[in-house]
C-alpha atoms as a PDB file:
ATOM      1  CA  MET A   1     -45.669 -26.546 -19.277  1.00  0.00           C
ATOM      2  CA  GLU A   2     -45.844 -23.558 -21.566  1.00  0.00           C
ATOM      3  CA  PHE A   3     -44.838 -20.022 -20.541  1.00  0.00           C
ATOM      4  CA  THR A   4     -47.012 -17.016 -21.243  1.00  0.00           C
ATOM      5  CA  THR A   5     -45.619 -13.997 -23.045  1.00  0.00           C
ATOM      6  CA  VAL A   6     -45.523 -12.051 -19.771  1.00  0.00           C
ATOM      7  CA  GLN A   7     -43.559 -14.834 -18.037  1.00  0.00           C
ATOM      8  CA  LYS A   8     -41.080 -14.979 -20.938  1.00  0.00           C
ATOM      9  CA  LEU A   9     -40.640 -11.194 -20.794  1.00  0.00           C
ATOM     10  CA  LEU A  10     -40.082 -11.266 -17.017  1.00  0.00           C
ATOM     11  CA  PHE A  11     -37.538 -14.065 -17.375  1.00  0.00           C
ATOM     12  CA  PHE A  12     -35.676 -12.171 -20.109  1.00  0.00           C
ATOM     13  CA  CYS A  13     -35.603  -8.919 -18.078  1.00  0.00           C
ATOM     14  CA  SER A  14     -34.410 -10.790 -14.977  1.00  0.00           C
ATOM     15  CA  TYR A  15     -31.652 -12.411 -17.005  1.00  0.00           C
ATOM     16  CA  ILE A  16     -30.491  -9.034 -18.366  1.00  0.00           C
ATOM     17  CA  LEU A  17     -30.558  -7.399 -14.921  1.00  0.00           C
ATOM     18  CA  PHE A  18     -28.774 -10.283 -13.215  1.00  0.00           C
ATOM     19  CA  PHE A  19     -25.933 -10.707 -15.709  1.00  0.00           C
ATOM     20  CA  THR A  20     -25.504  -7.398 -17.507  1.00  0.00           C
ATOM     21  CA  VAL A  21     -25.990  -4.669 -14.881  1.00  0.00           C
ATOM     22  CA  PRO A  22     -23.315  -5.917 -12.421  1.00  0.00           C
ATOM     23  CA  PHE A  23     -20.828  -6.259 -15.281  1.00  0.00           C
ATOM     24  CA  VAL A  24     -21.509  -2.735 -16.566  1.00  0.00           C
ATOM     25  CA  LEU A  25     -21.472  -1.183 -13.087  1.00  0.00           C
ATOM     26  CA  GLY A  26     -18.284  -3.032 -12.144  1.00  0.00           C
ATOM     27  CA  ALA A  27     -16.536  -1.952 -15.344  1.00  0.00           C
ATOM     28  CA  THR A  28     -17.484   1.687 -14.789  1.00  0.00           C
ATOM     29  CA  GLY A  29     -16.394   1.697 -11.165  1.00  0.00           C
ATOM     30  CA  TYR A  30     -19.845   2.076  -9.628  1.00  0.00           C
ATOM     31  CA  LEU A  31     -19.569  -1.196  -7.746  1.00  0.00           C
ATOM     32  CA  PRO A  32     -16.851  -1.480  -5.120  1.00  0.00           C
ATOM     33  CA  LYS A  33     -14.023  -3.864  -5.873  1.00  0.00           C
ATOM     34  CA  SER A  34     -14.265  -6.801  -3.548  1.00  0.00           C
ATOM     35  CA  VAL A  35     -11.335  -8.011  -1.553  1.00  0.00           C
ATOM     36  CA  GLY A  36     -11.201 -11.666  -0.826  1.00  0.00           C
ATOM     37  CA  HIS A  37      -9.892 -14.823  -2.347  1.00  0.00           C
ATOM     38  CA  SER A  38      -9.859 -16.036  -5.927  1.00  0.00           C
ATOM     39  CA  SER A  39     -11.228 -19.442  -6.868  1.00  0.00           C
ATOM     40  CA  ALA A  40      -7.653 -20.761  -6.597  1.00  0.00           C
ATOM     41  CA  GLY A  41      -7.546 -19.640  -2.962  1.00  0.00           C
ATOM     42  CA  THR A  42      -4.940 -16.914  -3.383  1.00  0.00           C
ATOM     43  CA  ARG A  43      -5.573 -13.543  -1.775  1.00  0.00           C
ATOM     44  CA  ILE A  44      -6.744 -10.711  -4.009  1.00  0.00           C
ATOM     45  CA  ALA A  45      -4.804  -7.615  -2.942  1.00  0.00           C
ATOM     46  CA  GLU A  46      -6.516  -4.296  -2.414  1.00  0.00           C
ATOM     47  CA  TYR A  47      -3.482  -2.333  -3.559  1.00  0.00           C
ATOM     48  CA  SER A  48      -1.261  -2.337  -6.604  1.00  0.00           C
ATOM     49  CA  MET A  49       2.434  -1.842  -5.921  1.00  0.00           C
ATOM     50  CA  ALA A  50       4.838  -0.584  -8.588  1.00  0.00           C
ATOM     51  CA  THR A  51       7.485  -3.086  -9.647  1.00  0.00           C
ATOM     52  CA  SER A  52       9.766  -0.929 -11.792  1.00  0.00           C
ATOM     53  CA  PHE A  53      11.597   2.113 -10.507  1.00  0.00           C
ATOM     54  CA  VAL A  54      13.697   5.020 -11.770  1.00  0.00           C
ATOM     55  CA  ASP A  55      17.046   5.491 -10.033  1.00  0.00           C
ATOM     56  CA  GLY A  56      16.590   8.407  -7.628  1.00  0.00           C
ATOM     57  CA  GLY A  57      20.184   8.271  -6.392  1.00  0.00           C
ATOM     58  CA  ALA A  58      21.084   8.752  -2.747  1.00  0.00           C
ATOM     59  CA  LEU A  59      18.369   9.772  -0.297  1.00  0.00           C
ATOM     60  CA  ASP A  60      21.003  10.921   2.196  1.00  0.00           C
ATOM     61  CA  SER A  61      20.186  14.262   3.873  1.00  0.00           C
ATOM     62  CA  LEU A  62      17.147  14.729   1.607  1.00  0.00           C
ATOM     63  CA  LYS A  63      13.457  15.097   2.426  1.00  0.00           C
ATOM     64  CA  LEU A  64      11.287  13.674  -0.359  1.00  0.00           C
ATOM     65  CA  GLY A  65       7.632  12.825  -0.976  1.00  0.00           C
ATOM     66  CA  ILE A  66       6.596   9.197  -1.375  1.00  0.00           C
ATOM     67  CA  CYS A  67       4.258  10.248  -4.200  1.00  0.00           C
ATOM     68  CA  ASP A  68       6.922  12.154  -6.182  1.00  0.00           C
ATOM     69  CA  GLY A  69       7.309   9.143  -8.485  1.00  0.00           C
ATOM     70  CA  ASN A  70       8.375   5.503  -8.468  1.00  0.00           C
ATOM     71  CA  PHE A  71      12.000   5.927  -7.436  1.00  0.00           C
ATOM     72  CA  LYS A  72      14.684   3.630  -6.091  1.00  0.00           C
ATOM     73  CA  TYR A  73      16.879   5.307  -3.486  1.00  0.00           C
ATOM     74  CA  THR A  74      20.170   4.263  -1.939  1.00  0.00           C
ATOM     75  CA  ILE A  75      20.694   4.882   1.778  1.00  0.00           C
ATOM     76  CA  SER A  76      24.223   5.298   3.148  1.00  0.00           C
ATOM     77  CA  SER A  77      23.402   7.613   6.072  1.00  0.00           C
ATOM     78  CA  SER A  78      19.836   8.947   6.483  1.00  0.00           C
ATOM     79  CA  GLY A  79      17.000  10.824   4.830  1.00  0.00           C
ATOM     80  CA  ILE A  80      13.272  11.465   5.203  1.00  0.00           C
ATOM     81  CA  ILE A  81      10.286  10.432   3.142  1.00  0.00           C
ATOM     82  CA  GLU A  82       6.866  12.021   3.669  1.00  0.00           C
ATOM     83  CA  SER A  83       3.305  11.566   2.512  1.00  0.00           C
ATOM     84  CA  GLU A  84       2.049  13.954  -0.133  1.00  0.00           C
ATOM     85  CA  ASN A  85       1.256  17.451   1.272  1.00  0.00           C
ATOM     86  CA  TYR A  86       2.621  16.559   4.743  1.00  0.00           C
ATOM     87  CA  PRO A  87       1.738  17.877   7.348  1.00  0.00           C
ATOM     88  CA  ALA A  88      -1.473  18.839   5.515  1.00  0.00           C
ATOM     89  CA  PRO A  89      -3.811  15.942   4.653  1.00  0.00           C
ATOM     90  CA  TYR A  90      -2.627  13.619   1.894  1.00  0.00           C
ATOM     91  CA  SER A  91      -4.604  13.227  -1.336  1.00  0.00           C
ATOM     92  CA  ARG A  92      -7.523  10.880  -1.846  1.00  0.00           C
ATOM     93  CA  LYS A  93      -6.882   7.639  -3.713  1.00  0.00           C
ATOM     94  CA  SER A  94      -3.093   7.815  -3.360  1.00  0.00           C
ATOM     95  CA  SER A  95      -1.143   4.832  -4.623  1.00  0.00           C
ATOM     96  CA  CYS A  96       2.586   5.495  -4.364  1.00  0.00           C
ATOM     97  CA  THR A  97       5.614   3.212  -4.215  1.00  0.00           C
ATOM     98  CA  ASN A  98       9.335   3.768  -3.651  1.00  0.00           C
ATOM     99  CA  GLN A  99      12.158   1.299  -3.222  1.00  0.00           C
ATOM    100  CA  PHE A 100      15.145   1.529  -0.868  1.00  0.00           C
ATOM    101  CA  ASP A 101      18.507  -0.220  -0.848  1.00  0.00           C
ATOM    102  CA  SER A 102      21.733   0.081   1.135  1.00  0.00           C
ATOM    103  CA  THR A 103      25.244  -1.353   1.264  1.00  0.00           C
ATOM    104  CA  ALA A 104      24.950  -1.373   5.084  1.00  0.00           C
ATOM    105  CA  ASP A 105      23.659  -4.371   7.065  1.00  0.00           C
ATOM    106  CA  GLY A 106      20.095  -3.131   6.574  1.00  0.00           C
ATOM    107  CA  ILE A 107      17.738  -0.146   6.685  1.00  0.00           C
ATOM    108  CA  THR A 108      15.680   1.206   9.580  1.00  0.00           C
ATOM    109  CA  PHE A 109      12.487   3.242   9.155  1.00  0.00           C
ATOM    110  CA  GLU A 110      11.465   5.428  12.105  1.00  0.00           C
ATOM    111  CA  PHE A 111       7.958   6.885  12.031  1.00  0.00           C
ATOM    112  CA  GLN A 112       8.634  10.401  13.355  1.00  0.00           C
ATOM    113  CA  SER A 113       5.013  11.248  12.696  1.00  0.00           C
ATOM    114  CA  PHE A 114       2.381   8.845  11.399  1.00  0.00           C
ATOM    115  CA  PHE A 115      -1.364   9.410  11.370  1.00  0.00           C
ATOM    116  CA  THR A 116      -3.608   7.861   8.713  1.00  0.00           C
ATOM    117  CA  GLU A 117      -7.220   6.721   8.555  1.00  0.00           C
ATOM    118  CA  LYS A 118      -7.103   3.448  10.511  1.00  0.00           C
ATOM    119  CA  GLN A 119      -7.615   0.295   8.435  1.00  0.00           C
ATOM    120  CA  SER A 120      -8.185   2.293   5.218  1.00  0.00           C
ATOM    121  CA  ASP A 121      -5.047   4.331   4.471  1.00  0.00           C
ATOM    122  CA  PHE A 122      -1.905   2.309   5.070  1.00  0.00           C
ATOM    123  CA  ILE A 123       1.666   1.381   4.246  1.00  0.00           C
ATOM    124  CA  VAL A 124       2.866  -1.947   2.879  1.00  0.00           C
ATOM    125  CA  PHE A 125       6.510  -3.053   3.031  1.00  0.00           C
ATOM    126  CA  ARG A 126       7.639  -5.562   0.361  1.00  0.00           C
ATOM    127  CA  ASP A 127      10.967  -7.319   0.847  1.00  0.00           C
ATOM    128  CA  SER A 128      13.231  -8.604  -1.943  1.00  0.00           C
ATOM    129  CA  GLU A 129      11.565 -12.030  -1.767  1.00  0.00           C
ATOM    130  CA  GLY A 130       8.157 -10.524  -2.598  1.00  0.00           C
ATOM    131  CA  ASN A 131       6.733 -10.856   0.929  1.00  0.00           C
ATOM    132  CA  ASP A 132       4.328  -8.056   1.866  1.00  0.00           C
ATOM    133  CA  PHE A 133       4.072  -6.803   5.463  1.00  0.00           C
ATOM    134  CA  GLY A 134       1.779  -4.198   6.996  1.00  0.00           C
ATOM    135  CA  GLY A 135      -1.328  -3.172   5.148  1.00  0.00           C
ATOM    136  CA  LYS A 136      -4.318  -2.425   7.370  1.00  0.00           C
ATOM    137  CA  THR A 137      -2.274  -3.107  10.527  1.00  0.00           C
ATOM    138  CA  CYS A 138       0.234  -0.451   9.435  1.00  0.00           C
ATOM    139  CA  SER A 139      -2.242   2.421   9.749  1.00  0.00           C
ATOM    140  CA  GLY A 140      -3.699   4.806  12.312  1.00  0.00           C
ATOM    141  CA  ASP A 141      -1.480   6.523  14.890  1.00  0.00           C
ATOM    142  CA  LEU A 142       1.942   4.851  14.756  1.00  0.00           C
ATOM    143  CA  LYS A 143       4.237   7.696  15.821  1.00  0.00           C
ATOM    144  CA  GLY A 144       7.477   6.294  17.236  1.00  0.00           C
ATOM    145  CA  THR A 145       7.205   2.939  15.447  1.00  0.00           C
ATOM    146  CA  ARG A 146      10.494   1.551  14.130  1.00  0.00           C
ATOM    147  CA  VAL A 147      10.742  -1.007  11.326  1.00  0.00           C
ATOM    148  CA  SER A 148      14.077  -2.537  10.359  1.00  0.00           C
ATOM    149  CA  VAL A 149      14.949  -4.695   7.352  1.00  0.00           C
ATOM    150  CA  ASP A 150      18.189  -6.711   7.202  1.00  0.00           C
ATOM    151  CA  SER A 151      20.401  -6.695   4.098  1.00  0.00           C
ATOM    152  CA  SER A 152      19.292 -10.185   2.978  1.00  0.00           C
ATOM    153  CA  ARG A 153      15.804  -8.759   2.299  1.00  0.00           C
ATOM    154  CA  LEU A 154      16.940  -5.608   0.480  1.00  0.00           C
ATOM    155  CA  PRO A 155      15.897  -3.831  -1.581  1.00  0.00           C
ATOM    156  CA  VAL A 156      12.642  -3.111   0.236  1.00  0.00           C
ATOM    157  CA  SER A 157       9.685  -1.274  -1.313  1.00  0.00           C
ATOM    158  CA  ILE A 158       7.222   0.913   0.571  1.00  0.00           C
ATOM    159  CA  HIS A 159       3.741   1.403  -0.832  1.00  0.00           C
ATOM    160  CA  PHE A 160       1.271   3.991   0.486  1.00  0.00           C
ATOM    161  CA  LYS A 161      -2.421   3.567  -0.338  1.00  0.00           C
ATOM    162  CA  SER A 162      -5.324   5.836   0.629  1.00  0.00           C
ATOM    163  CA  ASP A 163      -9.026   5.562  -0.114  1.00  0.00           C
ATOM    164  CA  ASP A 164     -11.440   8.292  -1.198  1.00  0.00           C
ATOM    165  CA  LYS A 165     -12.919   8.986   2.228  1.00  0.00           C
ATOM    166  CA  LYS A 166     -11.181  10.553   5.229  1.00  0.00           C
ATOM    167  CA  GLN A 167      -7.652  11.934   4.905  1.00  0.00           C
ATOM    168  CA  GLU A 168      -5.370  12.621   7.880  1.00  0.00           C
ATOM    169  CA  SER A 169      -2.043  14.448   8.293  1.00  0.00           C
ATOM    170  CA  GLY A 170      -0.025  11.529   6.920  1.00  0.00           C
ATOM    171  CA  PHE A 171       3.536  10.724   7.838  1.00  0.00           C
ATOM    172  CA  SER A 172       7.177  11.678   8.043  1.00  0.00           C
ATOM    173  CA  ILE A 173       9.499   8.672   8.163  1.00  0.00           C
ATOM    174  CA  ALA A 174      13.237   8.913   8.853  1.00  0.00           C
ATOM    175  CA  ILE A 175      15.175   6.280   6.928  1.00  0.00           C
ATOM    176  CA  SER A 176      18.677   5.348   8.029  1.00  0.00           C
ATOM    177  CA  ALA A 177      21.342   2.834   7.074  1.00  0.00           C
ATOM    178  CA  GLY A 178      21.750   0.039   9.599  1.00  0.00           C
ATOM    179  CA  TYR A 179      19.788  -2.940  10.854  1.00  0.00           C
ATOM    180  CA  ASP A 180      18.139  -3.026  14.286  1.00  0.00           C
ATOM    181  CA  PRO A 181      17.130  -6.664  15.048  1.00  0.00           C
ATOM    182  CA  GLU A 182      14.924  -5.552  17.942  1.00  0.00           C
ATOM    183  CA  ASN A 183      12.640  -3.760  15.451  1.00  0.00           C
ATOM    184  CA  ASP A 184      12.749  -6.324  12.644  1.00  0.00           C
ATOM    185  CA  LEU A 185      10.071  -6.048   9.963  1.00  0.00           C
ATOM    186  CA  LYS A 186       8.548  -9.290  11.248  1.00  0.00           C
ATOM    187  CA  ASN A 187       7.761  -7.654  14.636  1.00  0.00           C
ATOM    188  CA  GLY A 188       5.501  -4.758  15.651  1.00  0.00           C
ATOM    189  CA  PRO A 189       2.358  -3.201  14.143  1.00  0.00           C
ATOM    190  CA  CYS A 190       3.569  -3.488  10.543  1.00  0.00           C
ATOM    191  CA  ALA A 191       4.528  -7.168  10.871  1.00  0.00           C
ATOM    192  CA  SER A 192       1.328  -8.755   9.547  1.00  0.00           C
ATOM    193  CA  LYS A 193       1.801 -10.462   6.218  1.00  0.00           C
ATOM    194  CA  THR A 194      -0.758  -9.234   3.715  1.00  0.00           C
END
């Protein structure tokens, strides 16, 4: 069977549209990044957490922004970390990470105020073993939530991610030295492994 010139042209155009356009649009950011599983079966994360940090010293008695930079703080008493612009809405497309350590038996995070776009703007906790907790389940209205991490899993990193749609008032989280087993990281709304 022989193809006509028109059929060859249609085939060529279809080939270009099918293979080239998605690649170009994906590379320029016009196609959304998919979240799912790679061919190896591992989960493709929808956030990118910093892995290197600058020593920020002691957080004690300080109130700092989570998006001030990628800092590692030491907790010996207590301090506060807030979303950017708190209590005004946080910025679109935020991606901020800080790390916390303590010489105490752990660290407890108390969400004094927490209101983000549910399922879209969230916090992820990463323990020292590289396990991620929270994500989409650690979003929405979580005022009063307590999350505690024991010393064997320190340091712990907190990552805040927001999309480009709706922004809410954000959060103010009190961080204190000491482990509270009743509110362990593996329990509560931020317990889901991502």
